[in-house]
Amino acid sequence: MAVPKRKTSRANTRSRRSQWKTSAVALTTCPRCGEPTRPHHACPNCGTYKGRLYAEAQRSEFEA
């Protein structure tokens, strides 16, 4: 099994990790209410997917 001969420097480690970037979430518009939604997911605003009502809308903010 290969073993490194030297410790990897902090600069090399960080430059390698700099390529690990997150990508922005793809969004589409809901045909019923026009809110941005993730593709292939039920709309969080109105609860529809492909023209069918699947669930009541789940609100993420606290309503008092």
N, C-alpha and C. Protein backbone atom coordinates (compact mmCIF):
# COMPACT_ATOMS: atom_id res chain seq x y z
N MET A 1 0.84 -1.18 0.00
CA MET A 1 0.00 0.00 0.00
C MET A 1 0.89 1.24 0.00
N ALA A 2 0.56 2.22 -0.82
CA ALA A 2 1.37 3.43 -0.93
C ALA A 2 1.18 4.32 0.29
N VAL A 3 2.29 4.86 0.77
CA VAL A 3 2.28 5.75 1.93
C VAL A 3 2.96 7.05 1.50
N PRO A 4 2.38 8.22 1.84
CA PRO A 4 3.02 9.47 1.45
C PRO A 4 4.36 9.65 2.15
N LYS A 5 5.34 10.20 1.42
CA LYS A 5 6.67 10.43 2.01
C LYS A 5 6.71 11.70 2.83
N ARG A 6 5.89 12.69 2.46
CA ARG A 6 5.91 13.96 3.17
C ARG A 6 4.48 14.40 3.50
N LYS A 7 4.38 15.27 4.49
CA LYS A 7 3.09 15.84 4.86
C LYS A 7 2.65 16.82 3.77
N THR A 8 1.38 16.76 3.38
CA THR A 8 0.85 17.69 2.38
C THR A 8 0.73 19.07 3.02
N SER A 9 1.29 20.07 2.36
CA SER A 9 1.29 21.41 2.91
C SER A 9 -0.13 21.97 2.97
N ARG A 10 -0.30 22.97 3.79
CA ARG A 10 -1.61 23.59 3.94
C ARG A 10 -2.06 24.25 2.64
N ALA A 11 -1.13 24.86 1.92
CA ALA A 11 -1.47 25.51 0.65
C ALA A 11 -1.94 24.48 -0.37
N ASN A 12 -1.27 23.35 -0.46
CA ASN A 12 -1.70 22.33 -1.41
C ASN A 12 -3.04 21.74 -1.02
N THR A 13 -3.24 21.53 0.25
CA THR A 13 -4.51 20.97 0.72
C THR A 13 -5.66 21.93 0.40
N ARG A 14 -5.46 23.20 0.69
CA ARG A 14 -6.53 24.18 0.46
C ARG A 14 -6.77 24.43 -1.02
N SER A 15 -5.73 24.37 -1.84
CA SER A 15 -5.95 24.57 -3.27
C SER A 15 -6.69 23.38 -3.87
N ARG A 16 -6.48 22.20 -3.33
CA ARG A 16 -7.22 21.03 -3.80
C ARG A 16 -8.67 21.13 -3.38
N ARG A 17 -8.90 21.56 -2.16
CA ARG A 17 -10.27 21.68 -1.66
C ARG A 17 -11.02 22.84 -2.27
N SER A 18 -10.32 23.77 -2.91
CA SER A 18 -11.00 24.92 -3.50
C SER A 18 -11.88 24.52 -4.68
N GLN A 19 -11.68 23.33 -5.22
CA GLN A 19 -12.49 22.86 -6.34
C GLN A 19 -13.80 22.23 -5.88
N TRP A 20 -13.96 22.02 -4.58
CA TRP A 20 -15.19 21.42 -4.04
C TRP A 20 -16.21 22.52 -3.83
N LYS A 21 -16.88 22.92 -4.89
CA LYS A 21 -17.85 24.00 -4.79
C LYS A 21 -19.26 23.43 -4.90
N THR A 22 -20.18 24.07 -4.23
CA THR A 22 -21.57 23.67 -4.36
C THR A 22 -22.18 24.39 -5.55
N SER A 23 -23.14 23.76 -6.16
CA SER A 23 -23.81 24.38 -7.29
C SER A 23 -25.17 24.91 -6.83
N ALA A 24 -25.65 25.90 -7.52
CA ALA A 24 -26.94 26.49 -7.19
C ALA A 24 -28.05 25.49 -7.51
N VAL A 25 -29.10 25.52 -6.72
CA VAL A 25 -30.23 24.61 -6.91
C VAL A 25 -31.00 25.04 -8.15
N ALA A 26 -31.30 24.08 -9.02
CA ALA A 26 -32.09 24.38 -10.22
C ALA A 26 -33.53 24.63 -9.82
N LEU A 27 -34.12 25.67 -10.36
CA LEU A 27 -35.49 26.02 -10.04
C LEU A 27 -36.32 26.14 -11.32
N THR A 28 -37.58 25.75 -11.20
CA THR A 28 -38.56 25.95 -12.26
C THR A 28 -39.74 26.69 -11.66
N THR A 29 -40.62 27.19 -12.50
CA THR A 29 -41.80 27.89 -11.98
C THR A 29 -42.98 26.94 -11.96
N CYS A 30 -43.77 27.04 -10.94
CA CYS A 30 -44.97 26.21 -10.81
C CYS A 30 -46.01 26.71 -11.81
N PRO A 31 -46.59 25.81 -12.61
CA PRO A 31 -47.58 26.26 -13.59
C PRO A 31 -48.88 26.74 -12.97
N ARG A 32 -49.16 26.33 -11.74
CA ARG A 32 -50.41 26.72 -11.10
C ARG A 32 -50.31 28.06 -10.38
N CYS A 33 -49.25 28.24 -9.57
CA CYS A 33 -49.18 29.47 -8.78
C CYS A 33 -48.02 30.38 -9.19
N GLY A 34 -47.07 29.88 -9.99
CA GLY A 34 -45.99 30.72 -10.46
C GLY A 34 -44.81 30.85 -9.51
N GLU A 35 -44.85 30.16 -8.39
CA GLU A 35 -43.75 30.21 -7.43
C GLU A 35 -42.58 29.37 -7.94
N PRO A 36 -41.35 29.74 -7.60
CA PRO A 36 -40.20 28.90 -7.99
C PRO A 36 -40.18 27.61 -7.17
N THR A 37 -40.03 26.48 -7.84
CA THR A 37 -39.99 25.18 -7.19
C THR A 37 -38.83 24.37 -7.74
N ARG A 38 -38.43 23.33 -7.02
CA ARG A 38 -37.41 22.42 -7.51
C ARG A 38 -38.04 21.47 -8.51
N PRO A 39 -37.32 21.10 -9.57
CA PRO A 39 -37.92 20.20 -10.55
C PRO A 39 -38.17 18.82 -9.96
N HIS A 40 -39.25 18.18 -10.38
CA HIS A 40 -39.66 16.85 -9.94
C HIS A 40 -40.00 16.79 -8.45
N HIS A 41 -40.44 17.90 -7.87
CA HIS A 41 -40.89 17.95 -6.49
C HIS A 41 -42.24 18.66 -6.45
N ALA A 42 -43.02 18.36 -5.44
CA ALA A 42 -44.29 19.06 -5.26
C ALA A 42 -44.01 20.51 -4.88
N CYS A 43 -44.86 21.39 -5.33
CA CYS A 43 -44.69 22.83 -5.05
C CYS A 43 -44.88 23.07 -3.55
N PRO A 44 -43.93 23.75 -2.90
CA PRO A 44 -44.11 24.02 -1.46
C PRO A 44 -45.18 25.06 -1.18
N ASN A 45 -45.56 25.84 -2.19
CA ASN A 45 -46.56 26.87 -1.98
C ASN A 45 -47.98 26.33 -2.11
N CYS A 46 -48.26 25.59 -3.18
CA CYS A 46 -49.64 25.12 -3.39
C CYS A 46 -49.77 23.60 -3.27
N GLY A 47 -48.67 22.84 -3.23
CA GLY A 47 -48.74 21.40 -3.02
C GLY A 47 -49.09 20.58 -4.24
N THR A 48 -48.94 21.13 -5.44
CA THR A 48 -49.28 20.37 -6.65
C THR A 48 -48.01 19.88 -7.34
N TYR A 49 -48.17 18.79 -8.08
CA TYR A 49 -47.10 18.25 -8.92
C TYR A 49 -47.74 17.64 -10.14
N LYS A 50 -47.35 18.08 -11.31
CA LYS A 50 -47.89 17.62 -12.59
C LYS A 50 -49.41 17.75 -12.63
N GLY A 51 -49.93 18.85 -12.12
CA GLY A 51 -51.35 19.13 -12.20
C GLY A 51 -52.21 18.47 -11.14
N ARG A 52 -51.62 17.69 -10.25
CA ARG A 52 -52.38 17.02 -9.19
C ARG A 52 -52.04 17.61 -7.84
N LEU A 53 -53.03 17.67 -6.96
CA LEU A 53 -52.81 18.16 -5.60
C LEU A 53 -52.38 16.97 -4.75
N TYR A 54 -51.15 17.00 -4.28
CA TYR A 54 -50.62 15.88 -3.51
C TYR A 54 -50.64 16.10 -2.01
N ALA A 55 -50.40 17.30 -1.57
CA ALA A 55 -50.35 17.55 -0.13
C ALA A 55 -50.73 18.99 0.13
N GLU A 56 -51.12 19.25 1.36
CA GLU A 56 -51.33 20.63 1.75
C GLU A 56 -49.98 21.32 1.76
N ALA A 57 -49.98 22.60 1.47
CA ALA A 57 -48.73 23.36 1.40
C ALA A 57 -48.09 23.39 2.78
N GLN A 58 -46.81 23.11 2.82
CA GLN A 58 -46.05 23.14 4.07
C GLN A 58 -45.33 24.48 4.15
N ARG A 59 -45.67 25.28 5.12
CA ARG A 59 -45.02 26.58 5.28
C ARG A 59 -43.78 26.41 6.14
N SER A 60 -42.67 27.01 5.72
CA SER A 60 -41.44 26.87 6.48
C SER A 60 -41.33 27.94 7.57
N GLU A 61 -41.96 29.10 7.39
CA GLU A 61 -41.87 30.15 8.40
C GLU A 61 -42.95 29.93 9.46
N PHE A 62 -42.67 30.36 10.65
CA PHE A 62 -43.58 30.18 11.78
C PHE A 62 -44.68 31.23 11.71
N GLU A 63 -45.91 30.78 11.74
CA GLU A 63 -47.04 31.69 11.71
C GLU A 63 -47.69 31.70 13.10
N ALA A 64 -47.69 32.86 13.74
CA ALA A 64 -48.25 32.95 15.10
C ALA A 64 -49.60 33.61 15.09
